[in-house]
Amino acid sequence: MQEKLKNMKFELDIDKNKYILKIDDKTIELTREESVNLHNTLNRVLKATPQLFNTKG
């Protein structure tokens, strides 16, 4: 069973020069390069599997 996300936030911390990804109670700090890689990977997955995100359930 897949767990649903309740809270997700993505922001830039200028002081740390890091992108901060918060998902529920987890926090991940990413460099700009890691952020771009994550973005590109998610885009590829979404484009490759659009039918999964158009179903009701």
C-alpha atoms as a PDB file:
ATOM      1  CA  MET A   1       0.000   0.000   0.000  1.00  0.00           C
ATOM      2  CA  GLN A   2       1.273   3.457  -0.871  1.00  0.00           C
ATOM      3  CA  GLU A   3       1.241   6.110   1.828  1.00  0.00           C
ATOM      4  CA  LYS A   4      -0.321   9.471   0.948  1.00  0.00           C
ATOM      5  CA  LEU A   5       1.669  12.626   1.597  1.00  0.00           C
ATOM      6  CA  LYS A   6       0.008  15.006   4.018  1.00  0.00           C
ATOM      7  CA  ASN A   7       2.401  17.930   3.851  1.00  0.00           C
ATOM      8  CA  MET A   8       5.088  18.800   1.316  1.00  0.00           C
ATOM      9  CA  LYS A   9       7.106  22.023   1.053  1.00  0.00           C
ATOM     10  CA  PHE A  10      10.081  23.008  -1.118  1.00  0.00           C
ATOM     11  CA  GLU A  11      12.034  26.180  -0.416  1.00  0.00           C
ATOM     12  CA  LEU A  12      15.435  27.843  -0.769  1.00  0.00           C
ATOM     13  CA  ASP A  13      17.450  28.548   2.375  1.00  0.00           C
ATOM     14  CA  ILE A  14      19.642  31.479   1.348  1.00  0.00           C
ATOM     15  CA  ASP A  15      21.751  31.326   4.533  1.00  0.00           C
ATOM     16  CA  LYS A  16      22.683  27.672   3.951  1.00  0.00           C
ATOM     17  CA  ASN A  17      22.662  28.006   0.155  1.00  0.00           C
ATOM     18  CA  LYS A  18      20.578  24.818   0.047  1.00  0.00           C
ATOM     19  CA  TYR A  19      17.176  23.792  -1.205  1.00  0.00           C
ATOM     20  CA  ILE A  20      15.069  22.339   1.586  1.00  0.00           C
ATOM     21  CA  LEU A  21      12.521  19.630   0.806  1.00  0.00           C
ATOM     22  CA  LYS A  22      10.129  18.880   3.673  1.00  0.00           C
ATOM     23  CA  ILE A  23       7.807  15.903   3.358  1.00  0.00           C
ATOM     24  CA  ASP A  24       5.655  15.277   6.420  1.00  0.00           C
ATOM     25  CA  ASP A  25       8.199  14.917   9.272  1.00  0.00           C
ATOM     26  CA  LYS A  26      11.265  14.392   7.052  1.00  0.00           C
ATOM     27  CA  THR A  27      13.615  17.188   5.933  1.00  0.00           C
ATOM     28  CA  ILE A  28      16.140  16.825   3.109  1.00  0.00           C
ATOM     29  CA  GLU A  29      18.746  19.455   2.226  1.00  0.00           C
ATOM     30  CA  LEU A  30      19.742  19.518  -1.444  1.00  0.00           C
ATOM     31  CA  THR A  31      22.374  21.389  -3.408  1.00  0.00           C
ATOM     32  CA  ARG A  32      21.275  23.183  -6.557  1.00  0.00           C
ATOM     33  CA  GLU A  33      22.625  20.312  -8.669  1.00  0.00           C
ATOM     34  CA  GLU A  34      20.740  17.722  -6.597  1.00  0.00           C
ATOM     35  CA  SER A  35      17.571  19.826  -6.888  1.00  0.00           C
ATOM     36  CA  VAL A  36      17.870  20.021 -10.665  1.00  0.00           C
ATOM     37  CA  ASN A  37      18.494  16.264 -10.869  1.00  0.00           C
ATOM     38  CA  LEU A  38      15.436  15.564  -8.711  1.00  0.00           C
ATOM     39  CA  HIS A  39      13.313  17.909 -10.835  1.00  0.00           C
ATOM     40  CA  ASN A  40      14.460  16.289 -14.097  1.00  0.00           C
ATOM     41  CA  THR A  41      13.910  12.767 -12.755  1.00  0.00           C
ATOM     42  CA  LEU A  42      10.388  13.580 -11.585  1.00  0.00           C
ATOM     43  CA  ASN A  43       9.566  15.173 -14.947  1.00  0.00           C
ATOM     44  CA  ARG A  44      10.774  12.070 -16.825  1.00  0.00           C
ATOM     45  CA  VAL A  45       8.687   9.795 -14.604  1.00  0.00           C
ATOM     46  CA  LEU A  46       5.575  11.958 -14.953  1.00  0.00           C
ATOM     47  CA  LYS A  47       5.914  12.187 -18.739  1.00  0.00           C
ATOM     48  CA  ALA A  48       6.507   8.436 -19.060  1.00  0.00           C
ATOM     49  CA  THR A  49       3.505   7.448 -16.941  1.00  0.00           C
ATOM     50  CA  PRO A  50       0.732  10.048 -17.396  1.00  0.00           C
ATOM     51  CA  GLN A  51      -1.993   7.405 -17.214  1.00  0.00           C
ATOM     52  CA  LEU A  52      -1.198   6.714 -13.546  1.00  0.00           C
ATOM     53  CA  PHE A  53      -1.970  10.300 -12.589  1.00  0.00           C
ATOM     54  CA  ASN A  54      -5.216  10.584 -14.549  1.00  0.00           C
ATOM     55  CA  THR A  55      -7.013   7.741 -12.765  1.00  0.00           C
ATOM     56  CA  LYS A  56      -9.397   8.192  -9.866  1.00  0.00           C
ATOM     57  CA  GLY A  57      -8.750   6.262  -6.714  1.00  0.00           C
END
